[in-house]
C-alpha atoms as a PDB file:
ATOM      1  CA  SER A   1      87.668  47.701 -28.691  1.00  0.00           C
ATOM      2  CA  LEU A   2      88.239  49.243 -25.203  1.00  0.00           C
ATOM      3  CA  ASN A   3      86.735  46.011 -23.788  1.00  0.00           C
ATOM      4  CA  GLY A   4      90.099  44.693 -22.655  1.00  0.00           C
ATOM      5  CA  LYS A   5      93.862  45.071 -22.979  1.00  0.00           C
ATOM      6  CA  CYS A   6      96.215  43.742 -25.639  1.00  0.00           C
ATOM      7  CA  GLU A   7      99.194  42.147 -23.880  1.00  0.00           C
ATOM      8  CA  THR A   8     101.932  40.348 -25.857  1.00  0.00           C
ATOM      9  CA  GLY A   9      99.566  39.939 -28.786  1.00  0.00           C
ATOM     10  CA  VAL A  10      96.690  38.476 -26.769  1.00  0.00           C
ATOM     11  CA  CYS A  11      93.477  40.256 -25.699  1.00  0.00           C
ATOM     12  CA  ASN A  12      92.775  40.008 -21.975  1.00  0.00           C
ATOM     13  CA  CYS A  13      89.104  40.916 -21.769  1.00  0.00           C
ATOM     14  CA  ARG A  14      87.219  42.749 -19.042  1.00  0.00           C
ATOM     15  CA  ILE A  15      84.888  40.399 -17.178  1.00  0.00           C
ATOM     16  CA  ALA A  16      81.825  41.534 -19.160  1.00  0.00           C
ATOM     17  CA  TRP A  17      83.401  40.620 -22.516  1.00  0.00           C
ATOM     18  CA  LYS A  18      84.886  37.616 -24.292  1.00  0.00           C
ATOM     19  CA  GLY A  19      86.206  36.593 -27.708  1.00  0.00           C
ATOM     20  CA  ARG A  20      89.466  36.868 -29.592  1.00  0.00           C
ATOM     21  CA  ARG A  21      89.091  40.651 -29.729  1.00  0.00           C
ATOM     22  CA  CYS A  22      86.809  41.019 -26.677  1.00  0.00           C
ATOM     23  CA  GLU A  23      83.994  41.679 -29.128  1.00  0.00           C
ATOM     24  CA  THR A  24      81.276  39.487 -27.556  1.00  0.00           C
ATOM     25  CA  LEU A  25      79.258  40.101 -24.395  1.00  0.00           C
ATOM     26  CA  ASN A  26      80.027  37.478 -21.743  1.00  0.00           C
ATOM     27  CA  THR A  27      76.417  36.660 -20.887  1.00  0.00           C
ATOM     28  CA  LEU A  28      74.857  33.580 -19.330  1.00  0.00           C
ATOM     29  CA  PRO A  29      73.160  31.113 -21.716  1.00  0.00           C
ATOM     30  CA  PRO A  30      69.646  32.297 -22.652  1.00  0.00           C
ATOM     31  CA  LYS A  31      66.565  30.396 -21.534  1.00  0.00           C
ATOM     32  CA  LYS A  32      63.686  29.783 -23.905  1.00  0.00           C
ATOM     33  CA  GLY A  33      60.498  31.541 -22.858  1.00  0.00           C
ATOM     34  CA  PHE A  34      62.249  34.100 -20.661  1.00  0.00           C
ATOM     35  CA  GLY A  35      62.539  37.852 -21.244  1.00  0.00           C
ATOM     36  CA  TYR A  36      59.366  39.575 -22.486  1.00  0.00           C
ATOM     37  CA  ARG A  37      57.005  37.662 -24.781  1.00  0.00           C
ATOM     38  CA  GLY A  38      53.884  39.778 -25.129  1.00  0.00           C
ATOM     39  CA  THR A  39      50.635  38.409 -26.552  1.00  0.00           C
ATOM     40  CA  ASP A  40      47.204  39.857 -27.258  1.00  0.00           C
ATOM     41  CA  ALA A  41      44.195  37.610 -27.849  1.00  0.00           C
ATOM     42  CA  GLY A  42      46.567  34.667 -28.162  1.00  0.00           C
ATOM     43  CA  HIS A  43      48.675  36.252 -30.904  1.00  0.00           C
ATOM     44  CA  ASN A  44      52.341  37.248 -30.558  1.00  0.00           C
ATOM     45  CA  THR A  45      53.471  40.847 -30.446  1.00  0.00           C
ATOM     46  CA  SER A  46      56.878  42.143 -31.541  1.00  0.00           C
ATOM     47  CA  SER A  47      59.023  44.106 -29.074  1.00  0.00           C
ATOM     48  CA  TRP A  48      62.336  45.941 -29.150  1.00  0.00           C
ATOM     49  CA  GLY A  49      64.871  46.457 -26.375  1.00  0.00           C
ATOM     50  CA  GLY A  50      64.117  46.498 -22.676  1.00  0.00           C
ATOM     51  CA  ALA A  51      65.353  48.715 -19.827  1.00  0.00           C
ATOM     52  CA  VAL A  52      65.249  46.927 -16.453  1.00  0.00           C
ATOM     53  CA  LEU A  53      65.443  48.300 -12.908  1.00  0.00           C
ATOM     54  CA  ARG A  54      64.873  46.572  -9.549  1.00  0.00           C
ATOM     55  CA  ASP A  55      62.582  48.273  -7.036  1.00  0.00           C
ATOM     56  CA  ARG A  56      63.000  48.393  -3.248  1.00  0.00           C
ATOM     57  CA  GLU A  57      60.869  45.282  -2.763  1.00  0.00           C
ATOM     58  CA  GLY A  58      62.991  43.238  -5.171  1.00  0.00           C
ATOM     59  CA  LEU A  59      60.571  43.271  -8.126  1.00  0.00           C
ATOM     60  CA  TYR A  60      62.090  43.813 -11.564  1.00  0.00           C
ATOM     61  CA  HIS A  61      60.519  46.358 -13.907  1.00  0.00           C
ATOM     62  CA  MET A  62      61.040  46.449 -17.662  1.00  0.00           C
ATOM     63  CA  TRP A  63      60.127  49.180 -20.142  1.00  0.00           C
ATOM     64  CA  ALA A  64      60.244  48.180 -23.802  1.00  0.00           C
ATOM     65  CA  SER A  65      59.001  49.176 -27.243  1.00  0.00           C
ATOM     66  CA  GLU A  66      56.104  47.054 -28.507  1.00  0.00           C
ATOM     67  CA  MET A  67      54.407  47.171 -31.917  1.00  0.00           C
ATOM     68  CA  THR A  68      50.617  47.361 -31.815  1.00  0.00           C
ATOM     69  CA  GLU A  69      48.237  45.443 -34.100  1.00  0.00           C
ATOM     70  CA  HIS A  70      50.653  42.481 -34.018  1.00  0.00           C
ATOM     71  CA  CYS A  71      53.101  44.149 -36.424  1.00  0.00           C
ATOM     72  CA  GLY A  72      56.827  43.506 -36.715  1.00  0.00           C
ATOM     73  CA  ILE A  73      59.726  45.836 -35.976  1.00  0.00           C
ATOM     74  CA  GLY A  74      59.622  47.026 -39.588  1.00  0.00           C
ATOM     75  CA  ALA A  75      56.524  49.027 -38.614  1.00  0.00           C
ATOM     76  CA  TRP A  76      58.186  50.707 -35.635  1.00  0.00           C
ATOM     77  CA  VAL A  77      57.587  54.317 -36.743  1.00  0.00           C
ATOM     78  CA  GLN A  78      53.957  53.512 -37.477  1.00  0.00           C
ATOM     79  CA  ASN A  79      53.043  51.322 -34.498  1.00  0.00           C
ATOM     80  CA  SER A  80      55.511  51.468 -31.605  1.00  0.00           C
ATOM     81  CA  ARG A  81      54.360  52.128 -28.039  1.00  0.00           C
ATOM     82  CA  ILE A  82      56.125  51.823 -24.666  1.00  0.00           C
ATOM     83  CA  ILE A  83      54.985  49.056 -22.331  1.00  0.00           C
ATOM     84  CA  HIS A  84      55.790  48.346 -18.673  1.00  0.00           C
ATOM     85  CA  ALA A  85      56.259  44.729 -17.566  1.00  0.00           C
ATOM     86  CA  THR A  86      57.392  43.078 -14.325  1.00  0.00           C
ATOM     87  CA  SER A  87      59.109  39.883 -13.202  1.00  0.00           C
ATOM     88  CA  GLN A  88      60.328  38.245 -10.026  1.00  0.00           C
ATOM     89  CA  SER A  89      63.737  37.586 -11.635  1.00  0.00           C
ATOM     90  CA  PRO A  90      65.970  39.817 -13.796  1.00  0.00           C
ATOM     91  CA  GLY A  91      65.826  37.455 -16.766  1.00  0.00           C
ATOM     92  CA  GLY A  92      62.063  37.083 -16.716  1.00  0.00           C
ATOM     93  CA  PRO A  93      59.634  35.962 -17.837  1.00  0.00           C
ATOM     94  CA  TYR A  94      58.072  39.431 -17.801  1.00  0.00           C
ATOM     95  CA  THR A  95      54.336  40.157 -17.788  1.00  0.00           C
ATOM     96  CA  ARG A  96      52.934  43.366 -19.275  1.00  0.00           C
ATOM     97  CA  LYS A  97      51.260  45.585 -16.662  1.00  0.00           C
ATOM     98  CA  ASN A  98      50.477  48.863 -18.403  1.00  0.00           C
ATOM     99  CA  VAL A  99      51.296  51.240 -21.253  1.00  0.00           C
ATOM    100  CA  PRO A 100      53.021  54.424 -19.997  1.00  0.00           C
ATOM    101  CA  TRP A 101      53.163  55.962 -23.492  1.00  0.00           C
ATOM    102  CA  GLY A 102      51.064  55.072 -26.526  1.00  0.00           C
ATOM    103  CA  VAL A 103      51.736  55.271 -30.262  1.00  0.00           C
ATOM    104  CA  PHE A 104      54.124  56.702 -31.268  1.00  0.00           C
ATOM    105  CA  SER A 105      56.731  56.211 -28.556  1.00  0.00           C
ATOM    106  CA  HIS A 106      59.910  54.191 -28.845  1.00  0.00           C
ATOM    107  CA  GLU A 107      63.233  53.064 -27.354  1.00  0.00           C
ATOM    108  CA  PRO A 108      62.723  53.799 -23.644  1.00  0.00           C
ATOM    109  CA  GLU A 109      65.792  53.954 -21.445  1.00  0.00           C
ATOM    110  CA  VAL A 110      65.012  54.177 -17.719  1.00  0.00           C
ATOM    111  CA  VAL A 111      67.780  55.141 -15.301  1.00  0.00           C
ATOM    112  CA  PRO A 112      67.812  55.761 -11.537  1.00  0.00           C
ATOM    113  CA  GLY A 113      67.727  59.326 -10.251  1.00  0.00           C
ATOM    114  CA  PRO A 114      69.640  60.538  -7.166  1.00  0.00           C
ATOM    115  CA  LYS A 115      66.553  60.552  -4.894  1.00  0.00           C
ATOM    116  CA  GLY A 116      64.895  57.310  -5.909  1.00  0.00           C
ATOM    117  CA  GLU A 117      63.390  58.571  -9.148  1.00  0.00           C
ATOM    118  CA  TYR A 118      62.834  56.447 -12.219  1.00  0.00           C
ATOM    119  CA  VAL A 119      63.868  58.632 -15.165  1.00  0.00           C
ATOM    120  CA  MET A 120      62.759  57.654 -18.659  1.00  0.00           C
ATOM    121  CA  TYR A 121      64.291  58.924 -21.892  1.00  0.00           C
ATOM    122  CA  PHE A 122      62.469  58.068 -25.111  1.00  0.00           C
ATOM    123  CA  THR A 123      61.449  59.162 -28.587  1.00  0.00           C
ATOM    124  CA  ALA A 124      57.843  60.202 -29.155  1.00  0.00           C
ATOM    125  CA  ASN A 125      55.375  61.770 -31.528  1.00  0.00           C
ATOM    126  CA  LEU A 126      52.034  60.966 -29.920  1.00  0.00           C
ATOM    127  CA  ARG A 127      49.136  60.686 -32.328  1.00  0.00           C
ATOM    128  CA  PRO A 128      46.043  62.918 -32.269  1.00  0.00           C
ATOM    129  CA  ASP A 129      43.700  59.881 -32.159  1.00  0.00           C
ATOM    130  CA  GLY A 130      44.689  59.120 -28.567  1.00  0.00           C
ATOM    131  CA  SER A 131      47.716  56.989 -29.469  1.00  0.00           C
ATOM    132  CA  ASN A 132      45.895  53.714 -28.880  1.00  0.00           C
ATOM    133  CA  HIS A 133      46.389  52.289 -32.366  1.00  0.00           C
ATOM    134  CA  GLY A 134      49.143  52.191 -34.948  1.00  0.00           C
ATOM    135  CA  TRP A 135      48.993  53.124 -38.611  1.00  0.00           C
ATOM    136  CA  CYS A 136      49.474  49.521 -39.750  1.00  0.00           C
ATOM    137  CA  ASN A 137      47.190  46.560 -39.117  1.00  0.00           C
ATOM    138  CA  CYS A 138      49.066  43.263 -39.284  1.00  0.00           C
ATOM    139  CA  CYS A 139      46.176  41.143 -38.031  1.00  0.00           C
ATOM    140  CA  ARG A 140      43.593  41.729 -40.755  1.00  0.00           C
ATOM    141  CA  LYS A 141      40.900  39.131 -41.393  1.00  0.00           C
ATOM    142  CA  ASP A 142      41.907  36.586 -44.032  1.00  0.00           C
ATOM    143  CA  SER A 143      45.331  38.236 -44.449  1.00  0.00           C
ATOM    144  CA  GLY A 144      48.655  37.321 -42.861  1.00  0.00           C
ATOM    145  CA  PRO A 145      49.623  35.138 -39.915  1.00  0.00           C
ATOM    146  CA  CYS A 146      48.950  37.744 -37.175  1.00  0.00           C
ATOM    147  CA  ASP A 147      52.153  36.689 -35.459  1.00  0.00           C
ATOM    148  CA  GLY A 148      54.209  39.819 -34.800  1.00  0.00           C
ATOM    149  CA  SER A 149      55.417  40.306 -38.382  1.00  0.00           C
ATOM    150  CA  THR A 150      54.580  42.888 -41.045  1.00  0.00           C
ATOM    151  CA  GLY A 151      53.402  41.720 -44.448  1.00  0.00           C
ATOM    152  CA  PRO A 152      52.384  43.227 -47.793  1.00  0.00           C
ATOM    153  CA  GLY A 153      49.368  45.473 -47.544  1.00  0.00           C
ATOM    154  CA  ASP A 154      49.502  45.780 -43.760  1.00  0.00           C
ATOM    155  CA  CYS A 155      50.550  49.444 -43.857  1.00  0.00           C
ATOM    156  CA  PRO A 156      48.514  51.988 -45.860  1.00  0.00           C
ATOM    157  CA  GLY A 157      50.479  54.492 -47.941  1.00  0.00           C
ATOM    158  CA  ASP A 158      50.905  58.235 -47.354  1.00  0.00           C
ATOM    159  CA  PHE A 159      52.069  57.868 -43.737  1.00  0.00           C
ATOM    160  CA  PRO A 160      51.894  61.455 -42.411  1.00  0.00           C
ATOM    161  CA  TYR A 161      54.076  61.363 -39.269  1.00  0.00           C
ATOM    162  CA  ASP A 162      57.783  61.355 -38.424  1.00  0.00           C
ATOM    163  CA  GLU A 163      59.715  60.083 -35.402  1.00  0.00           C
ATOM    164  CA  GLY A 164      59.243  63.254 -33.392  1.00  0.00           C
ATOM    165  CA  ASN A 165      61.760  64.264 -30.726  1.00  0.00           C
ATOM    166  CA  SER A 166      63.632  62.992 -27.682  1.00  0.00           C
ATOM    167  CA  TYR A 167      61.874  63.416 -24.326  1.00  0.00           C
ATOM    168  CA  MET A 168      62.310  62.848 -20.608  1.00  0.00           C
ATOM    169  CA  SER A 169      59.716  61.882 -17.989  1.00  0.00           C
ATOM    170  CA  TRP A 170      60.122  60.682 -14.415  1.00  0.00           C
ATOM    171  CA  THR A 171      58.245  59.105 -11.508  1.00  0.00           C
ATOM    172  CA  LEU A 172      58.803  57.856  -7.964  1.00  0.00           C
ATOM    173  CA  ASP A 173      56.533  54.859  -8.623  1.00  0.00           C
ATOM    174  CA  PRO A 174      57.623  52.472 -11.390  1.00  0.00           C
ATOM    175  CA  ASN A 175      53.987  51.385 -11.787  1.00  0.00           C
ATOM    176  CA  GLY A 176      52.815  54.791 -13.011  1.00  0.00           C
ATOM    177  CA  GLY A 177      52.477  58.475 -12.188  1.00  0.00           C
ATOM    178  CA  TRP A 178      54.867  59.621 -14.904  1.00  0.00           C
ATOM    179  CA  SER A 179      55.418  63.351 -15.203  1.00  0.00           C
ATOM    180  CA  ASP A 180      54.518  65.278 -18.339  1.00  0.00           C
ATOM    181  CA  LYS A 181      57.155  64.597 -20.963  1.00  0.00           C
ATOM    182  CA  VAL A 182      59.644  67.410 -21.620  1.00  0.00           C
ATOM    183  CA  LYS A 183      61.715  67.771 -24.750  1.00  0.00           C
ATOM    184  CA  ILE A 184      65.482  67.512 -24.393  1.00  0.00           C
ATOM    185  CA  PHE A 185      68.005  68.911 -26.875  1.00  0.00           C
ATOM    186  CA  ALA A 186      65.571  71.693 -27.839  1.00  0.00           C
ATOM    187  CA  ASN A 187      67.542  72.927 -30.852  1.00  0.00           C
ATOM    188  CA  TYR A 188      68.417  69.527 -32.289  1.00  0.00           C
ATOM    189  CA  ILE A 189      67.029  68.624 -35.700  1.00  0.00           C
ATOM    190  CA  GLY A 190      67.296  64.949 -36.571  1.00  0.00           C
ATOM    191  CA  GLY A 191      66.016  61.473 -35.786  1.00  0.00           C
ATOM    192  CA  ASP A 192      65.764  59.765 -32.418  1.00  0.00           C
ATOM    193  CA  THR A 193      68.893  60.311 -30.344  1.00  0.00           C
ATOM    194  CA  ASN A 194      68.812  57.063 -28.296  1.00  0.00           C
ATOM    195  CA  PHE A 195      70.019  59.192 -25.385  1.00  0.00           C
ATOM    196  CA  VAL A 196      71.055  57.404 -22.201  1.00  0.00           C
ATOM    197  CA  PRO A 197      72.831  59.040 -19.226  1.00  0.00           C
ATOM    198  CA  VAL A 198      74.265  58.154 -15.864  1.00  0.00           C
ATOM    199  CA  ILE A 199      72.775  60.571 -13.323  1.00  0.00           C
ATOM    200  CA  LEU A 200      75.162  61.426 -10.487  1.00  0.00           C
ATOM    201  CA  SER A 201      74.304  62.051  -6.833  1.00  0.00           C
ATOM    202  CA  ASN A 202      74.406  65.853  -7.283  1.00  0.00           C
ATOM    203  CA  GLY A 203      71.868  65.725 -10.130  1.00  0.00           C
ATOM    204  CA  SER A 204      74.371  66.274 -12.939  1.00  0.00           C
ATOM    205  CA  PHE A 205      74.763  63.672 -15.643  1.00  0.00           C
ATOM    206  CA  VAL A 206      76.976  62.351 -18.395  1.00  0.00           C
ATOM    207  CA  GLY A 207      75.604  60.289 -21.254  1.00  0.00           C
ATOM    208  CA  MET A 208      75.684  59.329 -24.910  1.00  0.00           C
ATOM    209  CA  TRP A 209      73.456  60.385 -27.775  1.00  0.00           C
ATOM    210  CA  ARG A 210      73.186  59.154 -31.353  1.00  0.00           C
ATOM    211  CA  HIS A 211      73.080  61.091 -34.628  1.00  0.00           C
ATOM    212  CA  TRP A 212      72.087  59.384 -37.864  1.00  0.00           C
ATOM    213  CA  GLY A 213      73.766  60.439 -41.095  1.00  0.00           C
ATOM    214  CA  GLY A 214      76.687  62.681 -41.966  1.00  0.00           C
ATOM    215  CA  GLY A 215      80.313  61.604 -41.810  1.00  0.00           C
ATOM    216  CA  ASN A 216      80.229  57.890 -42.584  1.00  0.00           C
ATOM    217  CA  GLY A 217      76.531  58.094 -43.412  1.00  0.00           C
ATOM    218  CA  GLY A 218      75.482  55.862 -40.534  1.00  0.00           C
ATOM    219  CA  SER A 219      74.876  56.041 -36.795  1.00  0.00           C
ATOM    220  CA  ARG A 220      77.418  58.086 -34.829  1.00  0.00           C
ATOM    221  CA  GLN A 221      77.806  58.418 -31.045  1.00  0.00           C
ATOM    222  CA  PHE A 222      78.528  61.610 -29.116  1.00  0.00           C
ATOM    223  CA  LEU A 223      78.841  62.744 -25.501  1.00  0.00           C
ATOM    224  CA  ALA A 224      76.154  64.733 -23.674  1.00  0.00           C
ATOM    225  CA  THR A 225      76.468  66.460 -20.290  1.00  0.00           C
ATOM    226  CA  GLY A 226      74.384  68.634 -17.987  1.00  0.00           C
ATOM    227  CA  VAL A 227      74.262  70.014 -14.453  1.00  0.00           C
ATOM    228  CA  ASP A 228      70.586  69.250 -13.686  1.00  0.00           C
ATOM    229  CA  TRP A 229      68.772  66.263 -15.170  1.00  0.00           C
ATOM    230  CA  LYS A 230      65.381  67.858 -14.412  1.00  0.00           C
ATOM    231  CA  ASP A 231      66.195  71.035 -16.343  1.00  0.00           C
ATOM    232  CA  PRO A 232      66.331  70.406 -20.108  1.00  0.00           C
ATOM    233  CA  SER A 233      67.929  73.812 -20.685  1.00  0.00           C
ATOM    234  CA  THR A 234      71.149  72.457 -19.099  1.00  0.00           C
ATOM    235  CA  TYR A 235      71.449  69.532 -21.535  1.00  0.00           C
ATOM    236  CA  ILE A 236      74.510  70.002 -23.762  1.00  0.00           C
ATOM    237  CA  GLN A 237      75.133  67.937 -26.869  1.00  0.00           C
ATOM    238  CA  HIS A 238      78.823  67.583 -27.684  1.00  0.00           C
ATOM    239  CA  HIS A 239      79.776  66.976 -31.309  1.00  0.00           C
ATOM    240  CA  ASN A 240      83.295  65.535 -31.125  1.00  0.00           C
ATOM    241  CA  GLU A 241      83.385  61.817 -31.866  1.00  0.00           C
END
């Protein structure tokens, strides 16, 4: 698994992993009510993921995907947006502060830049209606529990949009001021890449991107490199697994 070493038939795991085959993250026990638990008008929302960075004052910032209109993750292509939340501790609880990117935007990964930047990578296909509302409505009067799940009839047919492309945006202030999004991997045709890099002190980067389909028919991971994280023309997708 690359999460440890096999010595005399026994797996000695790296500190971040545990289990017979070092297959399980060695995390602290979870606490109920922590993390991000968004609500609107007293009703639960559904969220996905969460990238967390600590600012210079010690405040923790999270960026996560959240489904509008109280829908579940099954309506992610129709209703996902990116929210920004903060907490005094890394585990939360987190409180939503703003919405950097509306519907449709998804799977934000925010990494530190070499000069104090906050660099976000995400999938987006922003809607022409201003991106404030999703395609599905999971909180209709006299229909459904309005609890962050998607039920029958919540999503109209003939959905006209796809996932869009992978983008990058950055800011020096985690509370806002994000740059215009720029497309990365300009010639790539496919679904969201889930790209996440480590940006080095000289501005170059190394990261991983995801391709769906082909080969085993599922999700496959590949390397990506570049010499300047701000210049999308330098982003190179490698195709050797």
